[in-house]
Amino acid sequence: MDSWFSMSLGDAMLVGPALDRLEALFLAELEKGVTAEDVALFVRHESEGRLHCEVMVYFSPAAFSVAEAVGAAPCGKPAYAGLSLLAGSEASWLVLFS
Protein backbone atom coordinates (compact mmCIF):
# COMPACT_ATOMS: atom_id res chain seq x y z
CA MET A 1 0.00 0.00 0.00
CA ASP A 2 1.56 3.29 -1.12
CA SER A 3 -1.28 5.68 -0.39
CA TRP A 4 -1.34 8.05 2.53
CA PHE A 5 -4.62 8.65 4.34
CA SER A 6 -6.08 11.69 6.04
CA MET A 7 -9.04 12.81 8.06
CA SER A 8 -10.20 16.05 9.60
CA LEU A 9 -10.89 16.01 13.30
CA GLY A 10 -12.51 19.43 13.15
CA ASP A 11 -11.98 22.43 15.39
CA ALA A 12 -8.62 22.34 17.15
CA MET A 13 -10.21 23.31 20.46
CA LEU A 14 -12.32 20.14 20.53
CA VAL A 15 -10.06 17.36 19.26
CA GLY A 16 -8.47 16.09 22.47
CA PRO A 17 -10.65 12.96 22.84
CA ALA A 18 -10.33 12.12 19.13
CA LEU A 19 -6.54 12.40 19.26
CA ASP A 20 -6.49 10.18 22.35
CA ARG A 21 -8.59 7.57 20.52
CA LEU A 22 -6.25 7.59 17.52
CA GLU A 23 -3.20 7.16 19.75
CA ALA A 24 -4.91 4.24 21.53
CA LEU A 25 -5.73 2.56 18.20
CA PHE A 26 -2.15 3.08 17.06
CA LEU A 27 -0.74 1.59 20.27
CA ALA A 28 -3.08 -1.40 19.88
CA GLU A 29 -1.51 -2.02 16.46
CA LEU A 30 1.96 -1.88 17.99
CA GLU A 31 0.89 -4.50 20.53
CA LYS A 32 0.09 -6.78 17.58
CA GLY A 33 3.76 -6.63 16.61
CA VAL A 34 3.70 -3.77 14.08
CA THR A 35 6.88 -1.86 14.92
CA ALA A 36 8.21 -0.62 11.60
CA GLU A 37 9.69 2.85 11.42
CA ASP A 38 7.34 3.74 8.57
CA VAL A 39 4.19 3.35 10.68
CA ALA A 40 3.24 6.80 11.94
CA LEU A 41 0.46 9.33 12.46
CA PHE A 42 1.08 13.02 11.91
CA VAL A 43 -1.06 16.05 12.69
CA ARG A 44 -1.20 19.59 11.38
CA HIS A 45 -3.39 22.56 12.21
CA GLU A 46 -4.77 23.90 8.93
CA SER A 47 -6.84 27.02 8.40
CA GLU A 48 -6.81 27.65 4.63
CA GLY A 49 -7.86 31.24 5.26
CA ARG A 50 -10.67 30.43 7.70
CA LEU A 51 -11.00 32.07 11.10
CA HIS A 52 -10.67 28.77 12.98
CA CYS A 53 -8.23 26.03 12.16
CA GLU A 54 -9.01 22.36 11.93
CA VAL A 55 -6.78 19.50 12.89
CA MET A 56 -5.86 17.15 10.07
CA VAL A 57 -4.41 13.73 10.81
CA TYR A 58 -2.21 12.02 8.22
CA PHE A 59 -1.65 8.26 8.33
CA SER A 60 1.46 6.86 6.70
CA PRO A 61 0.83 4.09 4.17
CA ALA A 62 1.99 1.47 6.68
CA ALA A 63 -0.62 2.74 9.18
CA PHE A 64 -3.36 1.53 6.83
CA SER A 65 -5.15 -0.56 9.45
CA VAL A 66 -5.57 2.41 11.79
CA ALA A 67 -6.69 4.63 8.90
CA GLU A 68 -9.20 2.00 7.81
CA ALA A 69 -10.54 1.59 11.35
CA VAL A 70 -11.45 5.29 11.56
CA GLY A 71 -12.61 5.79 7.98
CA ALA A 72 -9.75 8.00 6.82
CA ALA A 73 -9.67 8.83 3.11
CA PRO A 74 -6.77 8.19 0.73
CA CYS A 75 -4.70 11.30 -0.01
CA GLY A 76 -1.36 12.35 -1.36
CA LYS A 77 1.75 12.53 0.76
CA PRO A 78 1.43 15.58 3.02
CA ALA A 79 3.94 18.41 2.86
CA TYR A 80 6.52 18.22 5.63
CA ALA A 81 6.05 21.82 6.77
CA GLY A 82 3.93 22.21 9.88
CA LEU A 83 3.52 18.50 10.62
CA SER A 84 3.90 17.10 14.12
CA LEU A 85 4.35 13.45 14.99
CA LEU A 86 1.29 12.19 16.87
CA ALA A 87 2.30 8.54 17.16
CA GLY A 88 5.17 6.44 15.89
CA SER A 89 8.93 6.38 15.96
CA GLU A 90 10.97 9.57 15.64
CA ALA A 91 12.84 7.67 12.94
CA SER A 92 9.70 7.83 10.80
CA TRP A 93 10.62 11.43 9.86
CA LEU A 94 13.72 10.20 8.04
CA VAL A 95 12.06 7.13 6.59
CA LEU A 96 8.97 8.93 5.29
CA PHE A 97 10.28 12.42 4.46
CA SER A 98 13.90 11.93 3.35
C-alpha atoms as a PDB file:
ATOM      1  CA  MET A   1       0.000   0.000   0.000  1.00  0.00           C
ATOM      2  CA  ASP A   2       1.562   3.292  -1.121  1.00  0.00           C
ATOM      3  CA  SER A   3      -1.280   5.685  -0.386  1.00  0.00           C
ATOM      4  CA  TRP A   4      -1.338   8.045   2.533  1.00  0.00           C
ATOM      5  CA  PHE A   5      -4.622   8.646   4.339  1.00  0.00           C
ATOM      6  CA  SER A   6      -6.083  11.691   6.042  1.00  0.00           C
ATOM      7  CA  MET A   7      -9.036  12.811   8.061  1.00  0.00           C
ATOM      8  CA  SER A   8     -10.196  16.050   9.596  1.00  0.00           C
ATOM      9  CA  LEU A   9     -10.886  16.007  13.302  1.00  0.00           C
ATOM     10  CA  GLY A  10     -12.514  19.429  13.153  1.00  0.00           C
ATOM     11  CA  ASP A  11     -11.977  22.426  15.394  1.00  0.00           C
ATOM     12  CA  ALA A  12      -8.617  22.341  17.148  1.00  0.00           C
ATOM     13  CA  MET A  13     -10.205  23.312  20.462  1.00  0.00           C
ATOM     14  CA  LEU A  14     -12.321  20.137  20.535  1.00  0.00           C
ATOM     15  CA  VAL A  15     -10.059  17.362  19.257  1.00  0.00           C
ATOM     16  CA  GLY A  16      -8.469  16.090  22.474  1.00  0.00           C
ATOM     17  CA  PRO A  17     -10.651  12.961  22.842  1.00  0.00           C
ATOM     18  CA  ALA A  18     -10.334  12.115  19.133  1.00  0.00           C
ATOM     19  CA  LEU A  19      -6.535  12.404  19.262  1.00  0.00           C
ATOM     20  CA  ASP A  20      -6.486  10.176  22.355  1.00  0.00           C
ATOM     21  CA  ARG A  21      -8.589   7.570  20.523  1.00  0.00           C
ATOM     22  CA  LEU A  22      -6.246   7.589  17.522  1.00  0.00           C
ATOM     23  CA  GLU A  23      -3.205   7.155  19.750  1.00  0.00           C
ATOM     24  CA  ALA A  24      -4.909   4.242  21.525  1.00  0.00           C
ATOM     25  CA  LEU A  25      -5.729   2.557  18.196  1.00  0.00           C
ATOM     26  CA  PHE A  26      -2.147   3.083  17.065  1.00  0.00           C
ATOM     27  CA  LEU A  27      -0.745   1.592  20.273  1.00  0.00           C
ATOM     28  CA  ALA A  28      -3.079  -1.399  19.878  1.00  0.00           C
ATOM     29  CA  GLU A  29      -1.507  -2.017  16.459  1.00  0.00           C
ATOM     30  CA  LEU A  30       1.964  -1.879  17.993  1.00  0.00           C
ATOM     31  CA  GLU A  31       0.890  -4.504  20.533  1.00  0.00           C
ATOM     32  CA  LYS A  32       0.093  -6.781  17.579  1.00  0.00           C
ATOM     33  CA  GLY A  33       3.763  -6.628  16.611  1.00  0.00           C
ATOM     34  CA  VAL A  34       3.698  -3.772  14.085  1.00  0.00           C
ATOM     35  CA  THR A  35       6.881  -1.858  14.920  1.00  0.00           C
ATOM     36  CA  ALA A  36       8.208  -0.624  11.596  1.00  0.00           C
ATOM     37  CA  GLU A  37       9.695   2.854  11.421  1.00  0.00           C
ATOM     38  CA  ASP A  38       7.342   3.743   8.568  1.00  0.00           C
ATOM     39  CA  VAL A  39       4.186   3.346  10.683  1.00  0.00           C
ATOM     40  CA  ALA A  40       3.239   6.805  11.940  1.00  0.00           C
ATOM     41  CA  LEU A  41       0.462   9.325  12.460  1.00  0.00           C
ATOM     42  CA  PHE A  42       1.077  13.024  11.910  1.00  0.00           C
ATOM     43  CA  VAL A  43      -1.055  16.055  12.690  1.00  0.00           C
ATOM     44  CA  ARG A  44      -1.203  19.585  11.378  1.00  0.00           C
ATOM     45  CA  HIS A  45      -3.394  22.565  12.213  1.00  0.00           C
ATOM     46  CA  GLU A  46      -4.768  23.897   8.931  1.00  0.00           C
ATOM     47  CA  SER A  47      -6.843  27.015   8.400  1.00  0.00           C
ATOM     48  CA  GLU A  48      -6.812  27.647   4.635  1.00  0.00           C
ATOM     49  CA  GLY A  49      -7.864  31.244   5.259  1.00  0.00           C
ATOM     50  CA  ARG A  50     -10.667  30.432   7.703  1.00  0.00           C
ATOM     51  CA  LEU A  51     -11.002  32.072  11.097  1.00  0.00           C
ATOM     52  CA  HIS A  52     -10.671  28.773  12.976  1.00  0.00           C
ATOM     53  CA  CYS A  53      -8.227  26.026  12.158  1.00  0.00           C
ATOM     54  CA  GLU A  54      -9.012  22.360  11.933  1.00  0.00           C
ATOM     55  CA  VAL A  55      -6.781  19.497  12.887  1.00  0.00           C
ATOM     56  CA  MET A  56      -5.859  17.149  10.075  1.00  0.00           C
ATOM     57  CA  VAL A  57      -4.408  13.730  10.810  1.00  0.00           C
ATOM     58  CA  TYR A  58      -2.208  12.019   8.223  1.00  0.00           C
ATOM     59  CA  PHE A  59      -1.654   8.262   8.333  1.00  0.00           C
ATOM     60  CA  SER A  60       1.465   6.860   6.698  1.00  0.00           C
ATOM     61  CA  PRO A  61       0.834   4.085   4.167  1.00  0.00           C
ATOM     62  CA  ALA A  62       1.994   1.467   6.681  1.00  0.00           C
ATOM     63  CA  ALA A  63      -0.622   2.738   9.178  1.00  0.00           C
ATOM     64  CA  PHE A  64      -3.356   1.531   6.832  1.00  0.00           C
ATOM     65  CA  SER A  65      -5.145  -0.565   9.454  1.00  0.00           C
ATOM     66  CA  VAL A  66      -5.570   2.411  11.789  1.00  0.00           C
ATOM     67  CA  ALA A  67      -6.688   4.625   8.896  1.00  0.00           C
ATOM     68  CA  GLU A  68      -9.203   2.005   7.807  1.00  0.00           C
ATOM     69  CA  ALA A  69     -10.536   1.595  11.351  1.00  0.00           C
ATOM     70  CA  VAL A  70     -11.449   5.294  11.556  1.00  0.00           C
ATOM     71  CA  GLY A  71     -12.612   5.789   7.983  1.00  0.00           C
ATOM     72  CA  ALA A  72      -9.748   8.000   6.819  1.00  0.00           C
ATOM     73  CA  ALA A  73      -9.674   8.826   3.112  1.00  0.00           C
ATOM     74  CA  PRO A  74      -6.770   8.195   0.727  1.00  0.00           C
ATOM     75  CA  CYS A  75      -4.703  11.295  -0.010  1.00  0.00           C
ATOM     76  CA  GLY A  76      -1.361  12.353  -1.365  1.00  0.00           C
ATOM     77  CA  LYS A  77       1.749  12.528   0.764  1.00  0.00           C
ATOM     78  CA  PRO A  78       1.431  15.583   3.019  1.00  0.00           C
ATOM     79  CA  ALA A  79       3.938  18.408   2.858  1.00  0.00           C
ATOM     80  CA  TYR A  80       6.521  18.217   5.632  1.00  0.00           C
ATOM     81  CA  ALA A  81       6.047  21.819   6.771  1.00  0.00           C
ATOM     82  CA  GLY A  82       3.932  22.205   9.879  1.00  0.00           C
ATOM     83  CA  LEU A  83       3.523  18.504  10.623  1.00  0.00           C
ATOM     84  CA  SER A  84       3.899  17.097  14.125  1.00  0.00           C
ATOM     85  CA  LEU A  85       4.351  13.447  14.994  1.00  0.00           C
ATOM     86  CA  LEU A  86       1.290  12.188  16.874  1.00  0.00           C
ATOM     87  CA  ALA A  87       2.304   8.537  17.156  1.00  0.00           C
ATOM     88  CA  GLY A  88       5.173   6.441  15.893  1.00  0.00           C
ATOM     89  CA  SER A  89       8.931   6.378  15.960  1.00  0.00           C
ATOM     90  CA  GLU A  90      10.967   9.574  15.642  1.00  0.00           C
ATOM     91  CA  ALA A  91      12.844   7.675  12.939  1.00  0.00           C
ATOM     92  CA  SER A  92       9.704   7.833  10.797  1.00  0.00           C
ATOM     93  CA  TRP A  93      10.624  11.426   9.864  1.00  0.00           C
ATOM     94  CA  LEU A  94      13.721  10.196   8.045  1.00  0.00           C
ATOM     95  CA  VAL A  95      12.060   7.127   6.591  1.00  0.00           C
ATOM     96  CA  LEU A  96       8.970   8.928   5.286  1.00  0.00           C
ATOM     97  CA  PHE A  97      10.285  12.416   4.457  1.00  0.00           C
ATOM     98  CA  SER A  98      13.898  11.934   3.353  1.00  0.00           C
END
